[in-house]
Amino acid sequence: MSSEMVPARVSAAALAREAEERELTPEQVAELRPFAQLIYRMRQIAIVDEDGAFEIAAAVIDEIALADSVEDVFAANEKGPEGAEENLETSFGAYDAKFWRSAEKFRKGTLGYYVAITTVDYDGNERMLTVGASNVVASILRLVELGAINGDKGNPCWIKIHGRETANGTLYILQAGDHPPF
């Protein structure tokens, strides 16, 4: 039996934070586990989108500022993006995605980022969904990288979010959605 010290295996969470917080060389990135490489790539995209993070709130505030009645003020407040919970098992066409760093209180146990997905339904109605579930965020990033979500509203990627109860809460995963019936 060797008396050499064997270094402790670095946890997945520690690797993720290292990929996120440090500037790494391409060689260092190549040595990371695939999920840490994904987080590193997401960080590069999220930095670009950081200034646009207020756009979601600004769109709602535009509606509030243009409200002509008390009822319109309250209705405008409801026009923000929807979450995954309200859209489980619903197929929609994703055609654009923006990634932002999650608020600190939402970072533990996640990738540390959320995605705002611009979608279209079968009738052509647009809406935005925000999701922070790690599997969904990672899947959307890969779909963007693979060109399936590319800003083309006329040729969206049909997806749906599935929720499955586990001992630790609801696990959200991304599945292929049903294509329009036309």
C-alpha atoms as a PDB file:
ATOM      1  CA  MET A   1       0.000   0.000   0.000  1.00  0.00           C
ATOM      2  CA  SER A   2       1.424   3.355  -1.020  1.00  0.00           C
ATOM      3  CA  SER A   3       1.971   6.067   1.518  1.00  0.00           C
ATOM      4  CA  GLU A   4       1.500   8.794  -1.118  1.00  0.00           C
ATOM      5  CA  MET A   5      -1.333  11.194  -0.569  1.00  0.00           C
ATOM      6  CA  VAL A   6      -4.042  10.839  -3.160  1.00  0.00           C
ATOM      7  CA  PRO A   7      -5.742  14.162  -3.910  1.00  0.00           C
ATOM      8  CA  ALA A   8      -9.425  14.237  -3.097  1.00  0.00           C
ATOM      9  CA  ARG A   9     -11.686  14.198  -6.113  1.00  0.00           C
ATOM     10  CA  VAL A  10     -12.925  17.700  -6.825  1.00  0.00           C
ATOM     11  CA  SER A  11     -16.696  17.947  -6.532  1.00  0.00           C
ATOM     12  CA  ALA A  12     -18.874  18.733  -9.510  1.00  0.00           C
ATOM     13  CA  ALA A  13     -20.024  21.938  -7.799  1.00  0.00           C
ATOM     14  CA  ALA A  14     -16.422  23.066  -7.242  1.00  0.00           C
ATOM     15  CA  LEU A  15     -15.587  22.397 -10.899  1.00  0.00           C
ATOM     16  CA  ALA A  16     -18.642  24.351 -11.985  1.00  0.00           C
ATOM     17  CA  ARG A  17     -17.692  27.385  -9.895  1.00  0.00           C
ATOM     18  CA  GLU A  18     -14.098  27.235 -11.150  1.00  0.00           C
ATOM     19  CA  ALA A  19     -15.344  27.169 -14.737  1.00  0.00           C
ATOM     20  CA  GLU A  20     -17.570  30.134 -13.982  1.00  0.00           C
ATOM     21  CA  GLU A  21     -15.357  32.346 -11.836  1.00  0.00           C
ATOM     22  CA  ARG A  22     -11.884  32.048 -13.343  1.00  0.00           C
ATOM     23  CA  GLU A  23     -10.531  33.041 -16.695  1.00  0.00           C
ATOM     24  CA  LEU A  24      -9.270  29.776 -18.139  1.00  0.00           C
ATOM     25  CA  THR A  25      -7.002  29.015 -21.063  1.00  0.00           C
ATOM     26  CA  PRO A  26      -8.383  26.791 -23.836  1.00  0.00           C
ATOM     27  CA  GLU A  27      -6.157  24.006 -22.520  1.00  0.00           C
ATOM     28  CA  GLN A  28      -7.622  24.346 -19.020  1.00  0.00           C
ATOM     29  CA  VAL A  29     -11.164  24.365 -20.409  1.00  0.00           C
ATOM     30  CA  ALA A  30     -10.401  21.189 -22.399  1.00  0.00           C
ATOM     31  CA  GLU A  31      -9.401  19.445 -19.153  1.00  0.00           C
ATOM     32  CA  LEU A  32     -12.742  20.186 -17.467  1.00  0.00           C
ATOM     33  CA  ARG A  33     -15.597  17.719 -17.366  1.00  0.00           C
ATOM     34  CA  PRO A  34     -18.147  18.290 -20.161  1.00  0.00           C
ATOM     35  CA  PHE A  35     -20.713  19.923 -17.849  1.00  0.00           C
ATOM     36  CA  ALA A  36     -18.107  22.414 -16.579  1.00  0.00           C
ATOM     37  CA  GLN A  37     -17.176  23.206 -20.186  1.00  0.00           C
ATOM     38  CA  LEU A  38     -20.864  23.870 -20.872  1.00  0.00           C
ATOM     39  CA  ILE A  39     -21.050  26.259 -17.906  1.00  0.00           C
ATOM     40  CA  TYR A  40     -17.927  28.022 -19.153  1.00  0.00           C
ATOM     41  CA  ARG A  41     -19.507  28.480 -22.602  1.00  0.00           C
ATOM     42  CA  MET A  42     -22.760  29.682 -21.018  1.00  0.00           C
ATOM     43  CA  ARG A  43     -20.824  32.248 -19.019  1.00  0.00           C
ATOM     44  CA  GLN A  44     -19.344  33.626 -22.245  1.00  0.00           C
ATOM     45  CA  ILE A  45     -22.822  34.030 -23.750  1.00  0.00           C
ATOM     46  CA  ALA A  46     -24.370  35.390 -20.552  1.00  0.00           C
ATOM     47  CA  ILE A  47     -21.737  38.117 -20.309  1.00  0.00           C
ATOM     48  CA  VAL A  48     -22.780  39.347 -23.741  1.00  0.00           C
ATOM     49  CA  ASP A  49     -26.455  39.314 -22.727  1.00  0.00           C
ATOM     50  CA  GLU A  50     -25.906  40.950 -19.316  1.00  0.00           C
ATOM     51  CA  ASP A  51     -26.972  44.408 -20.493  1.00  0.00           C
ATOM     52  CA  GLY A  52     -30.144  42.960 -21.970  1.00  0.00           C
ATOM     53  CA  ALA A  53     -31.277  41.406 -18.683  1.00  0.00           C
ATOM     54  CA  PHE A  54     -33.376  44.474 -17.861  1.00  0.00           C
ATOM     55  CA  GLU A  55     -35.193  44.191 -21.202  1.00  0.00           C
ATOM     56  CA  ILE A  56     -37.735  41.781 -19.735  1.00  0.00           C
ATOM     57  CA  ALA A  57     -38.678  44.221 -16.993  1.00  0.00           C
ATOM     58  CA  ALA A  58     -38.506  47.183 -19.384  1.00  0.00           C
ATOM     59  CA  ALA A  59     -41.076  45.603 -21.720  1.00  0.00           C
ATOM     60  CA  VAL A  60     -43.519  45.229 -18.827  1.00  0.00           C
ATOM     61  CA  ILE A  61     -42.802  48.766 -17.600  1.00  0.00           C
ATOM     62  CA  ASP A  62     -43.462  50.076 -21.144  1.00  0.00           C
ATOM     63  CA  GLU A  63     -46.933  48.551 -20.920  1.00  0.00           C
ATOM     64  CA  ILE A  64     -47.453  50.040 -17.445  1.00  0.00           C
ATOM     65  CA  ALA A  65     -46.347  53.481 -18.659  1.00  0.00           C
ATOM     66  CA  LEU A  66     -48.825  53.333 -21.555  1.00  0.00           C
ATOM     67  CA  ALA A  67     -51.758  52.144 -19.427  1.00  0.00           C
ATOM     68  CA  ASP A  68     -54.916  54.235 -19.878  1.00  0.00           C
ATOM     69  CA  SER A  69     -56.815  52.921 -16.865  1.00  0.00           C
ATOM     70  CA  VAL A  70     -56.388  51.364 -13.445  1.00  0.00           C
ATOM     71  CA  GLU A  71     -57.330  47.980 -14.954  1.00  0.00           C
ATOM     72  CA  ASP A  72     -54.697  48.406 -17.690  1.00  0.00           C
ATOM     73  CA  VAL A  73     -51.993  49.027 -15.052  1.00  0.00           C
ATOM     74  CA  PHE A  74     -52.821  45.734 -13.343  1.00  0.00           C
ATOM     75  CA  ALA A  75     -53.138  43.881 -16.655  1.00  0.00           C
ATOM     76  CA  ALA A  76     -49.721  45.172 -17.747  1.00  0.00           C
ATOM     77  CA  ASN A  77     -48.151  43.689 -14.632  1.00  0.00           C
ATOM     78  CA  GLU A  78     -49.284  40.242 -15.802  1.00  0.00           C
ATOM     79  CA  LYS A  79     -47.493  40.510 -19.158  1.00  0.00           C
ATOM     80  CA  GLY A  80     -44.103  39.349 -17.945  1.00  0.00           C
ATOM     81  CA  PRO A  81     -42.573  36.023 -18.921  1.00  0.00           C
ATOM     82  CA  GLU A  82     -44.134  32.786 -17.779  1.00  0.00           C
ATOM     83  CA  GLY A  83     -42.301  30.042 -15.914  1.00  0.00           C
ATOM     84  CA  ALA A  84     -41.864  26.356 -16.622  1.00  0.00           C
ATOM     85  CA  GLU A  85     -44.459  25.378 -14.025  1.00  0.00           C
ATOM     86  CA  GLU A  86     -47.262  27.051 -15.984  1.00  0.00           C
ATOM     87  CA  ASN A  87     -46.259  25.349 -19.228  1.00  0.00           C
ATOM     88  CA  LEU A  88     -45.527  21.718 -18.402  1.00  0.00           C
ATOM     89  CA  GLU A  89     -46.339  19.219 -21.159  1.00  0.00           C
ATOM     90  CA  THR A  90     -47.202  22.021 -23.590  1.00  0.00           C
ATOM     91  CA  SER A  91     -45.488  21.997 -26.981  1.00  0.00           C
ATOM     92  CA  PHE A  92     -44.153  25.299 -28.236  1.00  0.00           C
ATOM     93  CA  GLY A  93     -41.713  26.420 -30.878  1.00  0.00           C
ATOM     94  CA  ALA A  94     -38.536  27.888 -29.404  1.00  0.00           C
ATOM     95  CA  TYR A  95     -36.779  30.257 -31.768  1.00  0.00           C
ATOM     96  CA  ASP A  96     -34.602  32.477 -29.558  1.00  0.00           C
ATOM     97  CA  ALA A  97     -32.880  32.147 -26.183  1.00  0.00           C
ATOM     98  CA  LYS A  98     -30.987  34.552 -23.931  1.00  0.00           C
ATOM     99  CA  PHE A  99     -28.932  33.422 -20.941  1.00  0.00           C
ATOM    100  CA  TRP A 100     -28.427  35.428 -17.767  1.00  0.00           C
ATOM    101  CA  ARG A 101     -26.738  34.807 -14.461  1.00  0.00           C
ATOM    102  CA  SER A 102     -29.233  33.852 -11.759  1.00  0.00           C
ATOM    103  CA  ALA A 103     -29.650  35.952  -8.644  1.00  0.00           C
ATOM    104  CA  GLU A 104     -27.460  34.676  -5.826  1.00  0.00           C
ATOM    105  CA  LYS A 105     -30.397  33.196  -3.891  1.00  0.00           C
ATOM    106  CA  PHE A 106     -31.237  30.941  -6.879  1.00  0.00           C
ATOM    107  CA  ARG A 107     -27.695  29.754  -7.645  1.00  0.00           C
ATOM    108  CA  LYS A 108     -27.213  26.961  -5.116  1.00  0.00           C
ATOM    109  CA  GLY A 109     -27.737  23.524  -6.627  1.00  0.00           C
ATOM    110  CA  THR A 110     -28.184  24.885 -10.163  1.00  0.00           C
ATOM    111  CA  LEU A 111     -26.002  25.853 -13.101  1.00  0.00           C
ATOM    112  CA  GLY A 112     -26.185  29.422 -11.814  1.00  0.00           C
ATOM    113  CA  TYR A 113     -27.868  30.693 -14.977  1.00  0.00           C
ATOM    114  CA  TYR A 114     -31.386  30.896 -16.331  1.00  0.00           C
ATOM    115  CA  VAL A 115     -32.684  31.145 -19.852  1.00  0.00           C
ATOM    116  CA  ALA A 116     -35.398  33.339 -21.346  1.00  0.00           C
ATOM    117  CA  ILE A 117     -36.861  31.417 -24.279  1.00  0.00           C
ATOM    118  CA  THR A 118     -38.839  33.267 -26.941  1.00  0.00           C
ATOM    119  CA  THR A 119     -41.502  30.917 -28.279  1.00  0.00           C
ATOM    120  CA  VAL A 120     -44.412  30.668 -30.654  1.00  0.00           C
ATOM    121  CA  ASP A 121     -47.474  28.439 -30.260  1.00  0.00           C
ATOM    122  CA  TYR A 122     -49.430  26.590 -32.969  1.00  0.00           C
ATOM    123  CA  ASP A 123     -51.477  29.726 -33.650  1.00  0.00           C
ATOM    124  CA  GLY A 124     -48.410  31.948 -34.084  1.00  0.00           C
ATOM    125  CA  ASN A 125     -48.763  33.722 -30.730  1.00  0.00           C
ATOM    126  CA  GLU A 126     -45.447  34.741 -29.200  1.00  0.00           C
ATOM    127  CA  ARG A 127     -44.542  34.488 -25.543  1.00  0.00           C
ATOM    128  CA  MET A 128     -41.480  34.317 -23.385  1.00  0.00           C
ATOM    129  CA  LEU A 129     -40.702  31.632 -20.817  1.00  0.00           C
ATOM    130  CA  THR A 130     -37.985  31.837 -18.192  1.00  0.00           C
ATOM    131  CA  VAL A 131     -36.470  28.644 -16.810  1.00  0.00           C
ATOM    132  CA  GLY A 132     -33.660  28.031 -14.343  1.00  0.00           C
ATOM    133  CA  ALA A 133     -33.865  24.227 -14.161  1.00  0.00           C
ATOM    134  CA  SER A 134     -30.375  22.906 -14.891  1.00  0.00           C
ATOM    135  CA  ASN A 135     -31.379  20.188 -17.384  1.00  0.00           C
ATOM    136  CA  VAL A 136     -33.565  22.582 -19.353  1.00  0.00           C
ATOM    137  CA  VAL A 137     -31.004  25.427 -19.358  1.00  0.00           C
ATOM    138  CA  ALA A 138     -28.211  23.069 -20.479  1.00  0.00           C
ATOM    139  CA  SER A 139     -30.436  21.530 -23.175  1.00  0.00           C
ATOM    140  CA  ILE A 140     -31.467  24.925 -24.545  1.00  0.00           C
ATOM    141  CA  LEU A 141     -27.807  25.993 -24.723  1.00  0.00           C
ATOM    142  CA  ARG A 142     -26.944  22.857 -26.703  1.00  0.00           C
ATOM    143  CA  LEU A 143     -29.902  23.432 -29.045  1.00  0.00           C
ATOM    144  CA  VAL A 144     -28.615  26.966 -29.656  1.00  0.00           C
ATOM    145  CA  GLU A 145     -25.091  25.679 -30.255  1.00  0.00           C
ATOM    146  CA  LEU A 146     -26.407  23.022 -32.651  1.00  0.00           C
ATOM    147  CA  GLY A 147     -28.388  25.649 -34.597  1.00  0.00           C
ATOM    148  CA  ALA A 148     -31.838  24.265 -33.749  1.00  0.00           C
ATOM    149  CA  ILE A 149     -32.746  27.499 -31.927  1.00  0.00           C
ATOM    150  CA  ASN A 150     -31.399  30.203 -34.193  1.00  0.00           C
ATOM    151  CA  GLY A 151     -33.675  33.251 -34.185  1.00  0.00           C
ATOM    152  CA  ASP A 152     -35.813  31.983 -37.087  1.00  0.00           C
ATOM    153  CA  LYS A 153     -39.421  32.344 -35.948  1.00  0.00           C
ATOM    154  CA  GLY A 154     -40.603  30.623 -39.122  1.00  0.00           C
ATOM    155  CA  ASN A 155     -38.605  27.483 -38.313  1.00  0.00           C
ATOM    156  CA  PRO A 156     -38.650  27.034 -34.531  1.00  0.00           C
ATOM    157  CA  CYS A 157     -37.478  24.014 -32.570  1.00  0.00           C
ATOM    158  CA  TRP A 158     -40.599  22.342 -31.114  1.00  0.00           C
ATOM    159  CA  ILE A 159     -40.022  21.469 -27.462  1.00  0.00           C
ATOM    160  CA  LYS A 160     -41.907  20.807 -24.248  1.00  0.00           C
ATOM    161  CA  ILE A 161     -40.912  20.824 -20.600  1.00  0.00           C
ATOM    162  CA  HIS A 162     -41.716  17.731 -18.605  1.00  0.00           C
ATOM    163  CA  GLY A 163     -41.847  17.693 -14.813  1.00  0.00           C
ATOM    164  CA  ARG A 164     -41.260  14.572 -12.768  1.00  0.00           C
ATOM    165  CA  GLU A 165     -41.533  14.399  -8.993  1.00  0.00           C
ATOM    166  CA  THR A 166     -38.459  13.136  -7.148  1.00  0.00           C
ATOM    167  CA  ALA A 167     -37.495  12.877  -3.484  1.00  0.00           C
ATOM    168  CA  ASN A 168     -35.838  16.311  -3.827  1.00  0.00           C
ATOM    169  CA  GLY A 169     -38.704  18.064  -5.595  1.00  0.00           C
ATOM    170  CA  THR A 170     -39.699  18.414  -9.228  1.00  0.00           C
ATOM    171  CA  LEU A 171     -37.127  17.525 -11.864  1.00  0.00           C
ATOM    172  CA  TYR A 172     -37.704  19.462 -15.082  1.00  0.00           C
ATOM    173  CA  ILE A 173     -36.417  18.017 -18.340  1.00  0.00           C
ATOM    174  CA  LEU A 174     -36.666  19.105 -21.952  1.00  0.00           C
ATOM    175  CA  GLN A 175     -38.337  16.824 -24.481  1.00  0.00           C
ATOM    176  CA  ALA A 176     -39.106  17.039 -28.169  1.00  0.00           C
ATOM    177  CA  GLY A 177     -42.417  18.792 -28.636  1.00  0.00           C
ATOM    178  CA  ASP A 178     -45.222  17.889 -30.958  1.00  0.00           C
ATOM    179  CA  HIS A 179     -44.957  19.640 -34.311  1.00  0.00           C
ATOM    180  CA  PRO A 180     -47.906  21.724 -35.463  1.00  0.00           C
ATOM    181  CA  PRO A 181     -50.697  19.677 -37.017  1.00  0.00           C
ATOM    182  CA  PHE A 182     -50.431  21.485 -40.344  1.00  0.00           C
END
